[in-house]
Amino acid sequence: MAVDGLVPDWPAPASIRAFSTLRGSGMSVGPWRGLNLADHVGDDPAAVAANRRRLRVAARLPGEPHWLEQVHGCGVIFDPKARRPRADSVVTDRPGQVCPVMTADCLPVLLCNQAGTRVAAAHAGWRGLAAGVLERTLARFSDRPEQMLAWLGPAIGPGFFEVGAEVLTACRRDDAGAQACFHANRPGHWRADLYGLARRRLNRYGVTAVYGGDWCTYADAARFFSHRRDGVTGRMATLIWIDPGNAR
C-alpha cells in the first residue's frame, strides 16, 4: 500500500523522520479526489478514515497523529494529550509522537534541533506568519537558533498568491523589510511570497539552515490540493516525529 509523498531533503539527524503527502491515490472522490486527510472539508468520513489508515501504514508512522484544529493563528501545543487540540503548531520531545499539520496552499514548516531530541510542525499561512507562529514555536526549543533546522513544505507559490493591502500591512507591522516579498499586481493587490516571508521570519530569529520551499500547490493540480485554485478541496499532511527505535 503506497502513498505518494515528499521526504524532506535536509540534513536532519538520523533520529528524525518526516513526510509530506501528495494528492496521489486515495479513497476520496469528487472535489476531494485522492488522499484527502481532512475530516472538516465535507468529504465522506469513511474515505478520510481509510486515507488516514493508508498513510499510517505506508509512512510507517509509530502512532496515530494528533491532528490539530487549525485556526490560522499562532497557538502552540507541546506534546498534545487531548484529542484535536485547537492550535496551529505542535511540538514534542517524546519519541513516537507524530506532529502533523494539514494544508492546501498555506505553508507547512517542520523544525528540529541538531541533537534530534525535539521536533515541531507549524501551519504558517500569512496570518500565522504575521502573528508570529514560527517565533512562538521556536521559543519552545531550548537550543540556540544556529542549532535549528527548518524545512518548508508545499505551499502556494508567489506567482499565484494574490493578496490585498491588509496582508501587506500585517506582514510589515514588525518587519518593514517584508515589503520585498510583495510585488504589485494590480491596483490595491500584490503577489505575496509565503516562502520568502517564512525565510525572513526564520532568519531574523537566527535560524539560517532553511531547506525546501520550491513547490507551488496552485500550479500543480496533479500533485497538490489547492484551496485558492479549487475552493472545495482536500488537504495534504506534513508530519514529523522522532523515531522511537533510533532516539537519543
C-alpha atoms as a PDB file:
ATOM      1  CA  MET A   1       0.000   0.000   0.000  1.00  0.00           C
ATOM      2  CA  ALA A   2       1.887   3.054  -1.275  1.00  0.00           C
ATOM      3  CA  VAL A   3       1.326   6.724  -0.572  1.00  0.00           C
ATOM      4  CA  ASP A   4       2.827   9.396  -2.803  1.00  0.00           C
ATOM      5  CA  GLY A   5       4.793  11.908  -0.810  1.00  0.00           C
ATOM      6  CA  LEU A   6       7.846  14.053  -0.306  1.00  0.00           C
ATOM      7  CA  VAL A   7      10.657  13.127   2.061  1.00  0.00           C
ATOM      8  CA  PRO A   8      12.421  16.326   3.143  1.00  0.00           C
ATOM      9  CA  ASP A   9      15.882  16.767   1.688  1.00  0.00           C
ATOM     10  CA  TRP A  10      17.605  18.269   4.716  1.00  0.00           C
ATOM     11  CA  PRO A  11      20.494  17.213   6.968  1.00  0.00           C
ATOM     12  CA  ALA A  12      18.306  16.191   9.894  1.00  0.00           C
ATOM     13  CA  PRO A  13      19.701  13.760  12.483  1.00  0.00           C
ATOM     14  CA  ALA A  14      19.142  10.040  11.930  1.00  0.00           C
ATOM     15  CA  SER A  15      16.531  10.009  14.697  1.00  0.00           C
ATOM     16  CA  ILE A  16      14.221  12.371  12.786  1.00  0.00           C
ATOM     17  CA  ARG A  17      11.552  11.161  10.377  1.00  0.00           C
ATOM     18  CA  ALA A  18       9.408  13.444   8.221  1.00  0.00           C
ATOM     19  CA  PHE A  19       6.945  13.088   5.356  1.00  0.00           C
ATOM     20  CA  SER A  20       4.669  15.345   3.316  1.00  0.00           C
ATOM     21  CA  THR A  21       1.793  13.740   1.429  1.00  0.00           C
ATOM     22  CA  LEU A  22       0.778  14.472  -2.137  1.00  0.00           C
ATOM     23  CA  ARG A  23      -2.717  14.349  -3.584  1.00  0.00           C
ATOM     24  CA  GLY A  24      -1.850  10.960  -5.064  1.00  0.00           C
ATOM     25  CA  SER A  25      -4.080   7.935  -4.835  1.00  0.00           C
ATOM     26  CA  GLY A  26      -6.621   7.576  -2.083  1.00  0.00           C
ATOM     27  CA  MET A  27     -10.222   6.690  -1.354  1.00  0.00           C
ATOM     28  CA  SER A  28     -11.735  10.171  -1.708  1.00  0.00           C
ATOM     29  CA  VAL A  29     -13.727  11.110  -4.812  1.00  0.00           C
ATOM     30  CA  GLY A  30     -15.272  14.259  -6.260  1.00  0.00           C
ATOM     31  CA  PRO A  31     -13.525  17.554  -5.424  1.00  0.00           C
ATOM     32  CA  TRP A  32     -11.555  15.738  -2.692  1.00  0.00           C
ATOM     33  CA  ARG A  33     -10.276  13.114  -5.141  1.00  0.00           C
ATOM     34  CA  GLY A  34      -7.158  11.388  -3.892  1.00  0.00           C
ATOM     35  CA  LEU A  35      -5.595  11.174  -0.454  1.00  0.00           C
ATOM     36  CA  ASN A  36      -7.631  13.793   1.397  1.00  0.00           C
ATOM     37  CA  LEU A  37      -6.717  13.646   5.084  1.00  0.00           C
ATOM     38  CA  ALA A  38      -9.074  16.331   6.416  1.00  0.00           C
ATOM     39  CA  ASP A  39     -12.367  15.489   8.093  1.00  0.00           C
ATOM     40  CA  HIS A  40     -13.663  19.085   8.127  1.00  0.00           C
ATOM     41  CA  VAL A  41     -13.984  19.838   4.395  1.00  0.00           C
ATOM     42  CA  GLY A  42     -17.172  17.924   3.505  1.00  0.00           C
ATOM     43  CA  ASP A  43     -15.603  14.650   2.369  1.00  0.00           C
ATOM     44  CA  ASP A  44     -17.058  11.235   3.234  1.00  0.00           C
ATOM     45  CA  PRO A  45     -15.793  10.425   6.770  1.00  0.00           C
ATOM     46  CA  ALA A  46     -15.260   6.791   5.810  1.00  0.00           C
ATOM     47  CA  ALA A  47     -12.980   7.826   2.955  1.00  0.00           C
ATOM     48  CA  VAL A  48     -10.992  10.149   5.215  1.00  0.00           C
ATOM     49  CA  ALA A  49     -10.591   7.394   7.812  1.00  0.00           C
ATOM     50  CA  ALA A  50      -9.392   4.986   5.115  1.00  0.00           C
ATOM     51  CA  ASN A  51      -6.919   7.565   3.806  1.00  0.00           C
ATOM     52  CA  ARG A  52      -5.523   8.111   7.296  1.00  0.00           C
ATOM     53  CA  ARG A  53      -5.091   4.379   7.786  1.00  0.00           C
ATOM     54  CA  ARG A  54      -3.303   4.177   4.440  1.00  0.00           C
ATOM     55  CA  LEU A  55      -0.976   6.992   5.450  1.00  0.00           C
ATOM     56  CA  ARG A  56      -0.154   5.395   8.777  1.00  0.00           C
ATOM     57  CA  VAL A  57       0.788   2.081   7.175  1.00  0.00           C
ATOM     58  CA  ALA A  58       2.613   3.438   4.119  1.00  0.00           C
ATOM     59  CA  ALA A  59       4.637   6.051   6.020  1.00  0.00           C
ATOM     60  CA  ARG A  60       5.283   3.595   8.865  1.00  0.00           C
ATOM     61  CA  LEU A  61       4.058   6.043  11.456  1.00  0.00           C
ATOM     62  CA  PRO A  62       4.756   4.915  15.030  1.00  0.00           C
ATOM     63  CA  GLY A  63       1.307   6.036  16.155  1.00  0.00           C
ATOM     64  CA  GLU A  64      -1.809   7.960  15.176  1.00  0.00           C
ATOM     65  CA  PRO A  65      -1.021  11.649  14.537  1.00  0.00           C
ATOM     66  CA  HIS A  66      -2.578  14.150  16.948  1.00  0.00           C
ATOM     67  CA  TRP A  67      -4.491  16.120  14.321  1.00  0.00           C
ATOM     68  CA  LEU A  68      -4.977  19.774  15.211  1.00  0.00           C
ATOM     69  CA  GLU A  69      -7.980  22.045  14.855  1.00  0.00           C
ATOM     70  CA  GLN A  70      -6.085  24.691  12.917  1.00  0.00           C
ATOM     71  CA  VAL A  71      -7.376  28.262  13.196  1.00  0.00           C
ATOM     72  CA  HIS A  72      -4.805  30.349  11.241  1.00  0.00           C
ATOM     73  CA  GLY A  73      -3.342  31.672  14.484  1.00  0.00           C
ATOM     74  CA  CYS A  74      -0.154  31.282  16.494  1.00  0.00           C
ATOM     75  CA  GLY A  75      -1.172  28.837  19.229  1.00  0.00           C
ATOM     76  CA  VAL A  76       1.445  26.196  20.053  1.00  0.00           C
ATOM     77  CA  ILE A  77       0.727  22.839  21.732  1.00  0.00           C
ATOM     78  CA  PHE A  78       3.525  20.934  23.439  1.00  0.00           C
ATOM     79  CA  ASP A  79       3.244  17.138  23.481  1.00  0.00           C
ATOM     80  CA  PRO A  80      -0.556  17.040  22.975  1.00  0.00           C
ATOM     81  CA  LYS A  81      -2.692  14.733  25.077  1.00  0.00           C
ATOM     82  CA  ALA A  82      -6.193  15.944  24.169  1.00  0.00           C
ATOM     83  CA  ARG A  83      -7.981  14.863  21.019  1.00  0.00           C
ATOM     84  CA  ARG A  84      -7.849  17.503  18.261  1.00  0.00           C
ATOM     85  CA  PRO A  85      -6.302  20.430  20.211  1.00  0.00           C
ATOM     86  CA  ARG A  86      -7.018  23.919  18.887  1.00  0.00           C
ATOM     87  CA  ALA A  87      -3.660  25.266  17.677  1.00  0.00           C
ATOM     88  CA  ASP A  88      -1.521  25.854  14.605  1.00  0.00           C
ATOM     89  CA  SER A  89       1.732  24.362  15.805  1.00  0.00           C
ATOM     90  CA  VAL A  90       2.698  21.219  17.685  1.00  0.00           C
ATOM     91  CA  VAL A  91       5.999  20.458  19.439  1.00  0.00           C
ATOM     92  CA  THR A  92       7.263  17.302  21.130  1.00  0.00           C
ATOM     93  CA  ASP A  93      10.376  15.683  22.550  1.00  0.00           C
ATOM     94  CA  ARG A  94       8.628  12.334  23.016  1.00  0.00           C
ATOM     95  CA  PRO A  95       9.779   9.591  20.615  1.00  0.00           C
ATOM     96  CA  GLY A  96       6.904   8.168  18.595  1.00  0.00           C
ATOM     97  CA  GLN A  97       4.679  11.260  18.938  1.00  0.00           C
ATOM     98  CA  VAL A  98       3.716  12.248  15.384  1.00  0.00           C
ATOM     99  CA  CYS A  99       3.340  16.008  14.855  1.00  0.00           C
ATOM    100  CA  PRO A 100       1.142  16.840  11.824  1.00  0.00           C
ATOM    101  CA  VAL A 101      -0.260  19.904  10.113  1.00  0.00           C
ATOM    102  CA  MET A 102      -2.697  19.946   7.184  1.00  0.00           C
ATOM    103  CA  THR A 103      -2.520  22.409   4.302  1.00  0.00           C
ATOM    104  CA  ALA A 104      -3.847  23.189   0.832  1.00  0.00           C
ATOM    105  CA  ASP A 105      -1.914  26.406  -0.012  1.00  0.00           C
ATOM    106  CA  CYS A 106      -0.759  27.543   3.434  1.00  0.00           C
ATOM    107  CA  LEU A 107       2.840  26.770   4.288  1.00  0.00           C
ATOM    108  CA  PRO A 108       3.773  23.748   6.432  1.00  0.00           C
ATOM    109  CA  VAL A 109       7.039  24.276   8.318  1.00  0.00           C
ATOM    110  CA  LEU A 110       8.959  21.478  10.011  1.00  0.00           C
ATOM    111  CA  LEU A 111      11.562  22.202  12.686  1.00  0.00           C
ATOM    112  CA  CYS A 112      14.067  20.095  14.593  1.00  0.00           C
ATOM    113  CA  ASN A 113      17.197  20.617  16.633  1.00  0.00           C
ATOM    114  CA  GLN A 114      20.547  19.256  15.523  1.00  0.00           C
ATOM    115  CA  ALA A 115      20.572  16.914  18.518  1.00  0.00           C
ATOM    116  CA  GLY A 116      17.454  15.175  17.173  1.00  0.00           C
ATOM    117  CA  THR A 117      15.679  15.424  20.526  1.00  0.00           C
ATOM    118  CA  ARG A 118      12.815  17.818  19.755  1.00  0.00           C
ATOM    119  CA  VAL A 119      10.641  18.400  16.675  1.00  0.00           C
ATOM    120  CA  ALA A 120       7.783  20.663  15.599  1.00  0.00           C
ATOM    121  CA  ALA A 121       5.305  21.165  12.772  1.00  0.00           C
ATOM    122  CA  ALA A 122       3.721  24.569  12.142  1.00  0.00           C
ATOM    123  CA  HIS A 123       0.828  25.674   9.923  1.00  0.00           C
ATOM    124  CA  ALA A 124       2.024  29.020   8.554  1.00  0.00           C
ATOM    125  CA  GLY A 125      -0.342  30.926   6.323  1.00  0.00           C
ATOM    126  CA  TRP A 126       0.060  34.674   6.100  1.00  0.00           C
ATOM    127  CA  ARG A 127      -2.000  35.231   9.253  1.00  0.00           C
ATOM    128  CA  GLY A 128       0.090  32.786  11.247  1.00  0.00           C
ATOM    129  CA  LEU A 129       3.351  34.205   9.939  1.00  0.00           C
ATOM    130  CA  ALA A 130       2.300  37.771  10.756  1.00  0.00           C
ATOM    131  CA  ALA A 131       1.141  36.688  14.232  1.00  0.00           C
ATOM    132  CA  GLY A 132       4.470  35.003  14.979  1.00  0.00           C
ATOM    133  CA  VAL A 133       3.635  31.294  14.827  1.00  0.00           C
ATOM    134  CA  LEU A 134       7.205  30.406  13.835  1.00  0.00           C
ATOM    135  CA  GLU A 135       8.786  32.504  16.564  1.00  0.00           C
ATOM    136  CA  ARG A 136       6.441  31.097  19.190  1.00  0.00           C
ATOM    137  CA  THR A 137       7.226  27.570  18.029  1.00  0.00           C
ATOM    138  CA  LEU A 138      10.980  28.167  18.107  1.00  0.00           C
ATOM    139  CA  ALA A 139      10.635  29.549  21.629  1.00  0.00           C
ATOM    140  CA  ARG A 140       9.641  26.025  22.748  1.00  0.00           C
ATOM    141  CA  PHE A 141      13.170  24.839  21.945  1.00  0.00           C
ATOM    142  CA  SER A 142      15.997  25.464  24.402  1.00  0.00           C
ATOM    143  CA  ASP A 143      18.550  25.207  21.564  1.00  0.00           C
ATOM    144  CA  ARG A 144      20.328  28.207  20.101  1.00  0.00           C
ATOM    145  CA  PRO A 145      18.882  29.287  16.723  1.00  0.00           C
ATOM    146  CA  GLU A 146      22.033  28.219  14.917  1.00  0.00           C
ATOM    147  CA  GLN A 147      21.403  24.688  16.189  1.00  0.00           C
ATOM    148  CA  MET A 148      17.996  24.528  14.492  1.00  0.00           C
ATOM    149  CA  LEU A 149      16.933  23.156  11.102  1.00  0.00           C
ATOM    150  CA  ALA A 150      13.809  24.159   9.177  1.00  0.00           C
ATOM    151  CA  TRP A 151      12.091  22.642   6.149  1.00  0.00           C
ATOM    152  CA  LEU A 152       9.430  24.464   4.132  1.00  0.00           C
ATOM    153  CA  GLY A 153       6.843  22.138   2.599  1.00  0.00           C
ATOM    154  CA  PRO A 154       4.468  22.598  -0.354  1.00  0.00           C
ATOM    155  CA  ALA A 155       2.582  25.917  -0.458  1.00  0.00           C
ATOM    156  CA  ILE A 156       1.121  28.320  -2.967  1.00  0.00           C
ATOM    157  CA  GLY A 157       3.873  29.991  -4.974  1.00  0.00           C
ATOM    158  CA  PRO A 158       4.452  33.736  -5.371  1.00  0.00           C
ATOM    159  CA  GLY A 159       3.171  33.685  -8.926  1.00  0.00           C
ATOM    160  CA  PHE A 160      -0.382  32.866  -7.820  1.00  0.00           C
ATOM    161  CA  PHE A 161      -0.863  34.183  -4.272  1.00  0.00           C
ATOM    162  CA  GLU A 162      -2.649  37.487  -4.838  1.00  0.00           C
ATOM    163  CA  VAL A 163      -3.432  39.464  -1.673  1.00  0.00           C
ATOM    164  CA  GLY A 164      -4.825  42.815  -0.630  1.00  0.00           C
ATOM    165  CA  ALA A 165      -3.456  45.703   1.395  1.00  0.00           C
ATOM    166  CA  GLU A 166      -4.451  44.109   4.727  1.00  0.00           C
ATOM    167  CA  VAL A 167      -1.959  41.294   4.168  1.00  0.00           C
ATOM    168  CA  LEU A 168       0.862  43.648   3.241  1.00  0.00           C
ATOM    169  CA  THR A 169       0.104  45.818   6.282  1.00  0.00           C
ATOM    170  CA  ALA A 170       0.019  42.835   8.666  1.00  0.00           C
ATOM    171  CA  CYS A 171       3.290  41.392   7.407  1.00  0.00           C
ATOM    172  CA  ARG A 172       5.090  44.759   7.520  1.00  0.00           C
ATOM    173  CA  ARG A 173       3.873  45.558  11.030  1.00  0.00           C
ATOM    174  CA  ASP A 174       7.053  44.403  12.760  1.00  0.00           C
ATOM    175  CA  ASP A 175       9.274  43.980   9.696  1.00  0.00           C
ATOM    176  CA  ALA A 176       9.324  46.776   7.153  1.00  0.00           C
ATOM    177  CA  GLY A 177      11.671  44.681   5.026  1.00  0.00           C
ATOM    178  CA  ALA A 178       8.862  42.199   4.369  1.00  0.00           C
ATOM    179  CA  GLN A 179       7.853  44.587   1.588  1.00  0.00           C
ATOM    180  CA  ALA A 180      10.456  42.782  -0.556  1.00  0.00           C
ATOM    181  CA  CYS A 181       8.204  39.686  -0.531  1.00  0.00           C
ATOM    182  CA  PHE A 182       5.334  41.573  -2.202  1.00  0.00           C
ATOM    183  CA  HIS A 183       5.156  42.525  -5.872  1.00  0.00           C
ATOM    184  CA  ALA A 184       2.486  44.866  -7.202  1.00  0.00           C
ATOM    185  CA  ASN A 185      -0.007  43.059  -9.415  1.00  0.00           C
ATOM    186  CA  ARG A 186      -2.915  45.451  -9.959  1.00  0.00           C
ATOM    187  CA  PRO A 187      -4.209  48.474  -8.035  1.00  0.00           C
ATOM    188  CA  GLY A 188      -4.503  47.535  -4.360  1.00  0.00           C
ATOM    189  CA  HIS A 189      -3.254  43.994  -4.892  1.00  0.00           C
ATOM    190  CA  TRP A 190       0.103  42.224  -4.663  1.00  0.00           C
ATOM    191  CA  ARG A 191       1.615  38.820  -5.315  1.00  0.00           C
ATOM    192  CA  ALA A 192       2.936  37.571  -1.977  1.00  0.00           C
ATOM    193  CA  ASP A 193       5.830  35.163  -1.464  1.00  0.00           C
ATOM    194  CA  LEU A 194       4.947  32.931   1.520  1.00  0.00           C
ATOM    195  CA  TYR A 195       8.261  31.121   1.271  1.00  0.00           C
ATOM    196  CA  GLY A 196      10.141  34.412   1.338  1.00  0.00           C
ATOM    197  CA  LEU A 197       8.140  35.680   4.314  1.00  0.00           C
ATOM    198  CA  ALA A 198       8.852  32.470   6.243  1.00  0.00           C
ATOM    199  CA  ARG A 199      12.561  32.618   5.463  1.00  0.00           C
ATOM    200  CA  ARG A 200      12.685  36.212   6.675  1.00  0.00           C
ATOM    201  CA  ARG A 201      10.988  35.259   9.950  1.00  0.00           C
ATOM    202  CA  LEU A 202      13.312  32.322  10.495  1.00  0.00           C
ATOM    203  CA  ASN A 203      16.443  34.271   9.570  1.00  0.00           C
ATOM    204  CA  ARG A 204      15.537  37.189  11.828  1.00  0.00           C
ATOM    205  CA  TYR A 205      15.174  34.724  14.699  1.00  0.00           C
ATOM    206  CA  GLY A 206      18.625  33.374  13.871  1.00  0.00           C
ATOM    207  CA  VAL A 207      17.679  30.174  12.017  1.00  0.00           C
ATOM    208  CA  THR A 208      19.706  30.102   8.814  1.00  0.00           C
ATOM    209  CA  ALA A 209      19.609  26.369   7.985  1.00  0.00           C
ATOM    210  CA  VAL A 210      16.374  26.518   5.970  1.00  0.00           C
ATOM    211  CA  TYR A 211      15.555  23.954   3.286  1.00  0.00           C
ATOM    212  CA  GLY A 212      12.739  23.184   0.843  1.00  0.00           C
ATOM    213  CA  GLY A 213      10.321  25.810  -0.393  1.00  0.00           C
ATOM    214  CA  ASP A 214      10.324  25.292  -4.150  1.00  0.00           C
ATOM    215  CA  TRP A 215       6.831  23.976  -4.937  1.00  0.00           C
ATOM    216  CA  CYS A 216       3.548  25.618  -5.899  1.00  0.00           C
ATOM    217  CA  THR A 217       0.332  23.924  -4.828  1.00  0.00           C
ATOM    218  CA  TYR A 218      -1.781  26.159  -7.086  1.00  0.00           C
ATOM    219  CA  ALA A 219       0.185  25.420 -10.267  1.00  0.00           C
ATOM    220  CA  ASP A 220       0.408  21.634  -9.864  1.00  0.00           C
ATOM    221  CA  ALA A 221      -3.130  20.214  -9.703  1.00  0.00           C
ATOM    222  CA  ALA A 222      -1.913  16.658 -10.323  1.00  0.00           C
ATOM    223  CA  ARG A 223       0.154  16.545  -7.143  1.00  0.00           C
ATOM    224  CA  PHE A 224      -1.366  19.078  -4.752  1.00  0.00           C
ATOM    225  CA  PHE A 225      -4.678  20.192  -3.315  1.00  0.00           C
ATOM    226  CA  SER A 226      -5.192  23.973  -3.545  1.00  0.00           C
ATOM    227  CA  HIS A 227      -7.991  25.858  -1.832  1.00  0.00           C
ATOM    228  CA  ARG A 228      -7.209  29.052  -3.745  1.00  0.00           C
ATOM    229  CA  ARG A 229      -7.457  27.187  -7.067  1.00  0.00           C
ATOM    230  CA  ASP A 230     -10.410  24.864  -6.414  1.00  0.00           C
ATOM    231  CA  GLY A 231     -12.399  26.190  -3.443  1.00  0.00           C
ATOM    232  CA  VAL A 232     -13.825  22.892  -2.189  1.00  0.00           C
ATOM    233  CA  THR A 233     -10.888  20.500  -1.998  1.00  0.00           C
ATOM    234  CA  GLY A 234      -8.906  18.160   0.234  1.00  0.00           C
ATOM    235  CA  ARG A 235      -5.909  18.681   2.487  1.00  0.00           C
ATOM    236  CA  MET A 236      -2.411  17.255   2.493  1.00  0.00           C
ATOM    237  CA  ALA A 237      -0.468  16.453   5.648  1.00  0.00           C
ATOM    238  CA  THR A 238       3.097  17.276   6.587  1.00  0.00           C
ATOM    239  CA  LEU A 239       4.373  15.261   9.534  1.00  0.00           C
ATOM    240  CA  ILE A 240       7.480  14.926  11.696  1.00  0.00           C
ATOM    241  CA  TRP A 241       8.413  12.597  14.547  1.00  0.00           C
ATOM    242  CA  ILE A 242      11.326  11.172  16.499  1.00  0.00           C
ATOM    243  CA  ASP A 243      11.915   7.546  15.584  1.00  0.00           C
ATOM    244  CA  PRO A 244      11.413   5.562  18.806  1.00  0.00           C
ATOM    245  CA  GLY A 245      13.839   2.928  17.570  1.00  0.00           C
ATOM    246  CA  ASN A 246      16.586   5.444  16.932  1.00  0.00           C
ATOM    247  CA  ALA A 247      16.010   8.062  19.625  1.00  0.00           C
ATOM    248  CA  ARG A 248      18.893   9.593  21.521  1.00  0.00           C
END
